[in-house]
Amino acid sequence: MTSPVASTSWAAGQQATISWEDDGQSPTLKDLGPCKVSVYVGSQIQQTLIQEVVPSVDVSTTSSVVFTPDASKGENSNQ
């Protein structure tokens, strides 16, 4: 992941971007193939789904997705 970073804050109803790049380590993005992209909050141990962004994107040929955070999912936050 290259964006968002820990200090990123998204506002509901305004477009936001999630982006990534291959770091050259295994598994490569080509090895992963289609992936689901979603927004979660929580710790490394416990994650809670906030919003699905896209059900399937080939991360080896696409480097970002743009979406609009849903206001019904909660208050503006940087969590």
N, C-alpha and C. Protein backbone atom coordinates (compact mmCIF):
# COMPACT_ATOMS: atom_id res chain seq x y z
N MET A 1 0.84 -1.17 0.00
CA MET A 1 0.00 0.00 0.00
C MET A 1 0.89 1.24 0.00
N THR A 2 0.60 2.16 -0.88
CA THR A 2 1.29 3.43 -0.88
C THR A 2 0.39 4.56 -0.40
N SER A 3 -0.91 4.34 -0.46
CA SER A 3 -1.87 5.31 0.03
C SER A 3 -3.16 4.56 0.35
N PRO A 4 -3.76 4.76 1.46
CA PRO A 4 -3.50 5.80 2.44
C PRO A 4 -2.34 5.43 3.36
N VAL A 5 -1.79 6.44 4.02
CA VAL A 5 -0.78 6.24 5.06
C VAL A 5 -1.46 6.47 6.40
N ALA A 6 -0.76 6.20 7.49
CA ALA A 6 -1.37 6.25 8.82
C ALA A 6 -2.02 7.58 9.14
N SER A 7 -1.51 8.67 8.62
CA SER A 7 -2.07 9.99 8.96
C SER A 7 -3.19 10.45 8.02
N THR A 8 -3.58 9.60 7.08
CA THR A 8 -4.61 9.98 6.11
C THR A 8 -5.98 10.08 6.78
N SER A 9 -6.72 11.11 6.41
CA SER A 9 -8.09 11.29 6.87
C SER A 9 -8.98 11.42 5.65
N TRP A 10 -10.08 10.67 5.62
CA TRP A 10 -11.01 10.73 4.52
C TRP A 10 -12.31 11.38 5.00
N ALA A 11 -12.91 12.16 4.13
CA ALA A 11 -14.20 12.77 4.44
C ALA A 11 -15.28 12.06 3.64
N ALA A 12 -16.35 11.72 4.32
CA ALA A 12 -17.48 11.05 3.66
C ALA A 12 -18.00 11.92 2.53
N GLY A 13 -18.32 11.28 1.42
CA GLY A 13 -18.89 11.97 0.28
C GLY A 13 -17.86 12.60 -0.65
N GLN A 14 -16.58 12.57 -0.28
CA GLN A 14 -15.52 13.12 -1.13
C GLN A 14 -14.66 11.97 -1.64
N GLN A 15 -14.28 12.02 -2.91
CA GLN A 15 -13.50 10.94 -3.50
C GLN A 15 -12.18 10.73 -2.76
N ALA A 16 -11.80 9.47 -2.63
CA ALA A 16 -10.56 9.07 -1.99
C ALA A 16 -9.88 8.02 -2.88
N THR A 17 -8.58 7.90 -2.75
CA THR A 17 -7.82 6.95 -3.56
C THR A 17 -7.07 5.98 -2.67
N ILE A 18 -7.12 4.71 -3.05
CA ILE A 18 -6.29 3.67 -2.44
C ILE A 18 -5.33 3.23 -3.53
N SER A 19 -4.03 3.24 -3.23
CA SER A 19 -3.05 2.86 -4.26
C SER A 19 -2.01 1.91 -3.69
N TRP A 20 -1.34 1.21 -4.59
CA TRP A 20 -0.35 0.21 -4.20
C TRP A 20 0.68 0.07 -5.30
N GLU A 21 1.81 -0.55 -4.95
CA GLU A 21 2.83 -0.90 -5.93
C GLU A 21 3.55 -2.15 -5.46
N ASP A 22 4.10 -2.87 -6.39
CA ASP A 22 4.82 -4.10 -6.09
C ASP A 22 6.15 -3.75 -5.45
N ASP A 23 6.49 -4.40 -4.35
CA ASP A 23 7.77 -4.16 -3.68
C ASP A 23 8.85 -5.14 -4.13
N GLY A 24 8.51 -6.00 -5.09
CA GLY A 24 9.49 -6.94 -5.62
C GLY A 24 9.70 -8.18 -4.77
N GLN A 25 9.03 -8.27 -3.64
CA GLN A 25 9.16 -9.43 -2.77
C GLN A 25 8.01 -10.40 -3.03
N SER A 26 8.22 -11.63 -2.65
CA SER A 26 7.22 -12.66 -2.85
C SER A 26 6.16 -12.58 -1.75
N PRO A 27 4.90 -12.71 -2.07
CA PRO A 27 4.34 -12.89 -3.40
C PRO A 27 4.28 -11.54 -4.14
N THR A 28 4.49 -11.60 -5.43
CA THR A 28 4.39 -10.39 -6.25
C THR A 28 2.92 -10.09 -6.52
N LEU A 29 2.65 -8.90 -6.98
CA LEU A 29 1.26 -8.56 -7.32
C LEU A 29 0.74 -9.46 -8.43
N LYS A 30 1.62 -9.85 -9.36
CA LYS A 30 1.21 -10.77 -10.43
C LYS A 30 0.77 -12.11 -9.84
N ASP A 31 1.46 -12.55 -8.77
CA ASP A 31 1.10 -13.81 -8.12
C ASP A 31 -0.26 -13.72 -7.42
N LEU A 32 -0.62 -12.53 -6.95
CA LEU A 32 -1.88 -12.37 -6.23
C LEU A 32 -3.10 -12.41 -7.14
N GLY A 33 -2.99 -11.78 -8.31
CA GLY A 33 -4.12 -11.75 -9.23
C GLY A 33 -5.25 -10.89 -8.70
N PRO A 34 -6.50 -11.23 -9.02
CA PRO A 34 -7.64 -10.41 -8.59
C PRO A 34 -7.77 -10.38 -7.07
N CYS A 35 -8.01 -9.17 -6.53
CA CYS A 35 -8.15 -8.99 -5.09
C CYS A 35 -9.38 -8.14 -4.79
N LYS A 36 -9.93 -8.35 -3.62
CA LYS A 36 -11.02 -7.52 -3.11
C LYS A 36 -10.37 -6.36 -2.35
N VAL A 37 -10.85 -5.14 -2.57
CA VAL A 37 -10.33 -3.98 -1.86
C VAL A 37 -11.45 -3.44 -0.97
N SER A 38 -11.13 -3.29 0.33
CA SER A 38 -12.11 -2.82 1.30
C SER A 38 -11.42 -1.92 2.31
N VAL A 39 -12.23 -1.17 3.04
CA VAL A 39 -11.72 -0.32 4.12
C VAL A 39 -12.07 -0.98 5.44
N TYR A 40 -11.06 -1.14 6.28
CA TYR A 40 -11.22 -1.74 7.60
C TYR A 40 -10.67 -0.80 8.66
N VAL A 41 -11.11 -0.96 9.88
CA VAL A 41 -10.51 -0.28 11.03
C VAL A 41 -10.15 -1.35 12.04
N GLY A 42 -9.22 -1.01 12.93
CA GLY A 42 -8.85 -1.93 13.99
C GLY A 42 -7.35 -2.08 14.09
N SER A 43 -6.96 -3.14 14.75
CA SER A 43 -5.55 -3.43 14.98
C SER A 43 -5.09 -4.52 14.02
N GLN A 44 -3.83 -4.88 14.12
CA GLN A 44 -3.31 -5.97 13.29
C GLN A 44 -3.98 -7.29 13.64
N ILE A 45 -4.49 -7.40 14.83
CA ILE A 45 -5.11 -8.64 15.29
C ILE A 45 -6.60 -8.68 14.99
N GLN A 46 -7.30 -7.56 15.19
CA GLN A 46 -8.75 -7.52 15.01
C GLN A 46 -9.12 -6.42 14.01
N GLN A 47 -9.70 -6.78 12.89
CA GLN A 47 -10.12 -5.84 11.86
C GLN A 47 -11.64 -5.89 11.71
N THR A 48 -12.23 -4.70 11.50
CA THR A 48 -13.67 -4.59 11.27
C THR A 48 -13.90 -3.94 9.91
N LEU A 49 -14.68 -4.62 9.06
CA LEU A 49 -15.00 -4.09 7.74
C LEU A 49 -15.88 -2.86 7.87
N ILE A 50 -15.47 -1.77 7.19
CA ILE A 50 -16.26 -0.55 7.17
C ILE A 50 -16.99 -0.42 5.84
N GLN A 51 -16.25 -0.61 4.73
CA GLN A 51 -16.87 -0.44 3.42
C GLN A 51 -16.09 -1.24 2.38
N GLU A 52 -16.82 -2.01 1.57
CA GLU A 52 -16.20 -2.64 0.41
C GLU A 52 -16.01 -1.58 -0.65
N VAL A 53 -14.82 -1.52 -1.24
CA VAL A 53 -14.51 -0.54 -2.27
C VAL A 53 -14.75 -1.14 -3.65
N VAL A 54 -14.18 -2.31 -3.89
CA VAL A 54 -14.37 -2.99 -5.17
C VAL A 54 -14.25 -4.50 -4.90
N PRO A 55 -15.18 -5.31 -5.43
CA PRO A 55 -15.16 -6.74 -5.14
C PRO A 55 -14.01 -7.49 -5.81
N SER A 56 -13.48 -6.95 -6.92
CA SER A 56 -12.39 -7.64 -7.60
C SER A 56 -11.65 -6.67 -8.52
N VAL A 57 -10.33 -6.59 -8.32
CA VAL A 57 -9.48 -5.78 -9.18
C VAL A 57 -8.16 -6.54 -9.36
N ASP A 58 -7.65 -6.58 -10.58
CA ASP A 58 -6.38 -7.24 -10.84
C ASP A 58 -5.26 -6.29 -10.42
N VAL A 59 -4.68 -6.55 -9.25
CA VAL A 59 -3.68 -5.64 -8.69
C VAL A 59 -2.36 -5.65 -9.46
N SER A 60 -2.20 -6.60 -10.37
CA SER A 60 -0.96 -6.63 -11.18
C SER A 60 -1.05 -5.70 -12.38
N THR A 61 -2.27 -5.28 -12.74
CA THR A 61 -2.43 -4.40 -13.90
C THR A 61 -3.05 -3.05 -13.54
N THR A 62 -3.52 -2.93 -12.32
CA THR A 62 -4.14 -1.70 -11.84
C THR A 62 -3.40 -1.28 -10.57
N SER A 63 -3.08 0.00 -10.42
CA SER A 63 -2.30 0.43 -9.26
C SER A 63 -3.09 1.28 -8.27
N SER A 64 -4.36 1.53 -8.56
CA SER A 64 -5.16 2.30 -7.61
C SER A 64 -6.65 2.17 -7.92
N VAL A 65 -7.45 2.50 -6.93
CA VAL A 65 -8.89 2.60 -7.10
C VAL A 65 -9.36 3.88 -6.42
N VAL A 66 -10.34 4.52 -7.03
CA VAL A 66 -10.94 5.73 -6.47
C VAL A 66 -12.35 5.36 -6.03
N PHE A 67 -12.73 5.83 -4.85
CA PHE A 67 -14.06 5.53 -4.33
C PHE A 67 -14.52 6.71 -3.49
N THR A 68 -15.77 6.68 -3.09
CA THR A 68 -16.32 7.71 -2.23
C THR A 68 -16.72 7.09 -0.90
N PRO A 69 -16.07 7.48 0.21
CA PRO A 69 -16.45 6.95 1.51
C PRO A 69 -17.92 7.22 1.82
N ASP A 70 -18.60 6.21 2.28
CA ASP A 70 -20.04 6.27 2.55
C ASP A 70 -20.29 6.93 3.91
N ALA A 71 -21.02 8.03 3.93
CA ALA A 71 -21.31 8.77 5.16
C ALA A 71 -22.08 7.94 6.17
N SER A 72 -22.84 6.95 5.71
CA SER A 72 -23.64 6.14 6.65
C SER A 72 -22.78 5.17 7.44
N LYS A 73 -21.50 5.06 7.11
CA LYS A 73 -20.60 4.10 7.78
C LYS A 73 -19.96 4.66 9.04
N GLY A 74 -20.10 5.96 9.28
CA GLY A 74 -19.55 6.55 10.51
C GLY A 74 -19.02 7.94 10.26
N GLU A 75 -18.50 8.53 11.30
CA GLU A 75 -17.97 9.88 11.25
C GLU A 75 -16.66 9.93 10.48
N ASN A 76 -16.27 11.14 10.01
CA ASN A 76 -14.96 11.31 9.39
C ASN A 76 -13.89 10.86 10.39
N SER A 77 -12.87 10.18 9.87
CA SER A 77 -11.88 9.61 10.78
C SER A 77 -10.56 9.35 10.06
N ASN A 78 -9.49 9.23 10.83
CA ASN A 78 -8.20 8.81 10.28
C ASN A 78 -7.80 7.45 10.84
N GLN A 79 -8.77 6.67 11.32
CA GLN A 79 -8.46 5.37 11.90
C GLN A 79 -8.16 4.37 10.82
